[in-house]
Protein backbone atom coordinates (compact mmCIF):
# COMPACT_ATOMS: atom_id res chain seq x y z
CA MET A 1 11.66 -0.18 6.94
CA ILE A 2 9.16 -3.00 7.37
CA ILE A 3 6.02 -2.49 8.91
CA LYS A 4 3.43 -4.82 10.05
CA ASP A 5 -0.49 -4.83 9.58
CA ILE A 6 -2.50 -5.54 12.82
CA ASN A 7 -2.17 -9.37 11.89
CA GLY A 8 1.32 -9.27 11.70
CA GLU A 9 1.74 -9.57 7.77
CA LYS A 10 4.63 -7.47 6.46
CA LEU A 11 5.09 -4.58 4.19
CA ALA A 12 8.13 -2.30 2.69
CA LEU A 13 7.91 1.37 3.86
CA THR A 14 10.05 3.58 1.64
CA LYS A 15 9.82 7.35 0.83
CA THR A 16 7.67 6.21 -1.80
CA THR A 17 6.05 3.15 -1.56
CA LEU A 18 4.36 0.78 0.43
CA THR A 19 5.21 -3.15 -0.85
CA GLU A 20 3.41 -6.53 0.34
CA VAL A 21 6.44 -8.43 1.60
CA THR A 22 4.40 -11.26 3.07
CA GLY A 23 0.26 -12.14 3.13
CA GLU A 24 -0.49 -11.46 -0.28
CA CYS A 25 -3.72 -13.07 -1.59
CA VAL A 26 -2.28 -14.62 -4.82
CA ASP A 27 1.27 -16.12 -4.04
CA GLY A 28 4.02 -14.74 -5.48
CA ASN A 29 1.97 -11.74 -6.97
CA LYS A 30 3.05 -8.89 -4.87
CA TRP A 31 1.21 -5.88 -4.95
CA ALA A 32 3.14 -1.63 -4.62
CA LEU A 33 1.43 0.96 -3.75
CA LYS A 34 3.19 4.84 -4.70
CA LEU A 35 2.47 6.93 -1.93
CA ARG A 36 2.11 10.18 -4.27
CA ASP A 37 -0.88 8.60 -5.19
CA LEU A 38 -2.43 9.01 -1.95
CA LYS A 39 -1.34 12.17 -1.01
CA GLU A 40 -2.40 13.43 -4.48
CA GLY A 41 -5.78 12.15 -4.60
CA GLY A 42 -8.13 10.64 -7.29
CA PHE A 43 -7.08 6.63 -6.37
CA VAL A 44 -10.89 5.67 -6.19
CA GLU A 45 -10.89 7.10 -10.13
CA ARG A 46 -7.54 5.42 -11.22
CA GLY A 47 -5.63 2.29 -10.61
CA VAL A 48 -3.09 2.61 -8.09
CA LEU A 49 -1.59 -0.85 -7.28
CA TYR A 50 0.87 -1.66 -9.11
CA ARG A 51 2.52 -5.35 -9.92
CA THR A 52 4.47 -6.24 -12.81
CA ASP A 53 3.49 -10.50 -13.29
CA ASP A 54 5.45 -12.88 -15.82
CA LEU A 55 1.62 -13.84 -17.21
CA TYR A 56 0.03 -10.67 -17.28
CA GLY A 57 2.76 -8.05 -17.55
CA ASP A 58 2.36 -4.59 -15.50
CA VAL A 59 -1.34 -4.88 -13.74
CA THR A 60 -2.87 -1.97 -11.86
CA GLY A 61 -5.77 -1.70 -9.16
CA HIS A 62 -8.19 0.19 -7.90
CA ILE A 63 -7.56 0.33 -3.95
CA SER A 64 -10.02 1.98 -0.59
CA TYR A 65 -7.62 4.25 1.58
CA ASP A 66 -9.63 4.73 4.91
CA PRO A 67 -8.04 7.40 7.48
CA GLN A 68 -10.21 6.99 9.85
CA GLY A 69 -10.21 3.57 10.12
CA ARG A 70 -6.55 3.31 9.72
CA ARG A 71 -6.87 0.83 6.38
CA ILE A 72 -5.21 1.31 3.20
CA GLY A 73 -6.80 -1.91 0.68
CA CYS A 74 -7.55 -5.36 2.82
CA ARG A 75 -5.08 -3.86 5.21
CA THR A 76 -5.88 -2.27 9.07
CA PHE A 77 -2.68 -0.98 10.58
CA SER A 78 -2.22 -0.10 14.24
CA LYS A 79 -2.41 3.77 15.08
CA LYS A 80 1.67 3.86 15.39
CA VAL A 81 2.02 1.85 12.00
CA PHE A 82 -0.09 4.38 10.46
CA ALA A 83 0.91 6.94 11.56
CA ALA A 84 4.29 6.69 10.20
CA ILE A 85 2.51 5.32 6.48
CA ARG A 86 0.60 8.94 6.94
CA LYS A 87 4.20 10.56 7.78
CA ALA A 88 5.80 8.87 4.78
CA ILE A 89 2.51 10.14 2.38
CA LYS A 90 3.00 13.71 3.60
CA GLU A 91 6.72 14.00 2.88
CA THR A 92 6.42 11.85 -0.33
CA LYS A 93 7.28 13.92 -3.73
């Protein structure tokens, strides 16, 4: 399903990942996040953002996850959208 952050930028939310569709920081570099990494925790100590780049290959990065502020990385979400994300995180395997 396509969801939007509070700025109207689009992300694809599936049963396993959250992926940028629009609003990437660097044109053409769309990041993806495996929901199970948020479920398992430990994402501060290890990179959990993923992208495959023609120039750099497979790249990982760190992310902040703030459920109270409804933020994941640099994205902030409405209550309704963040509830859908949290539900997907909870249901991921």
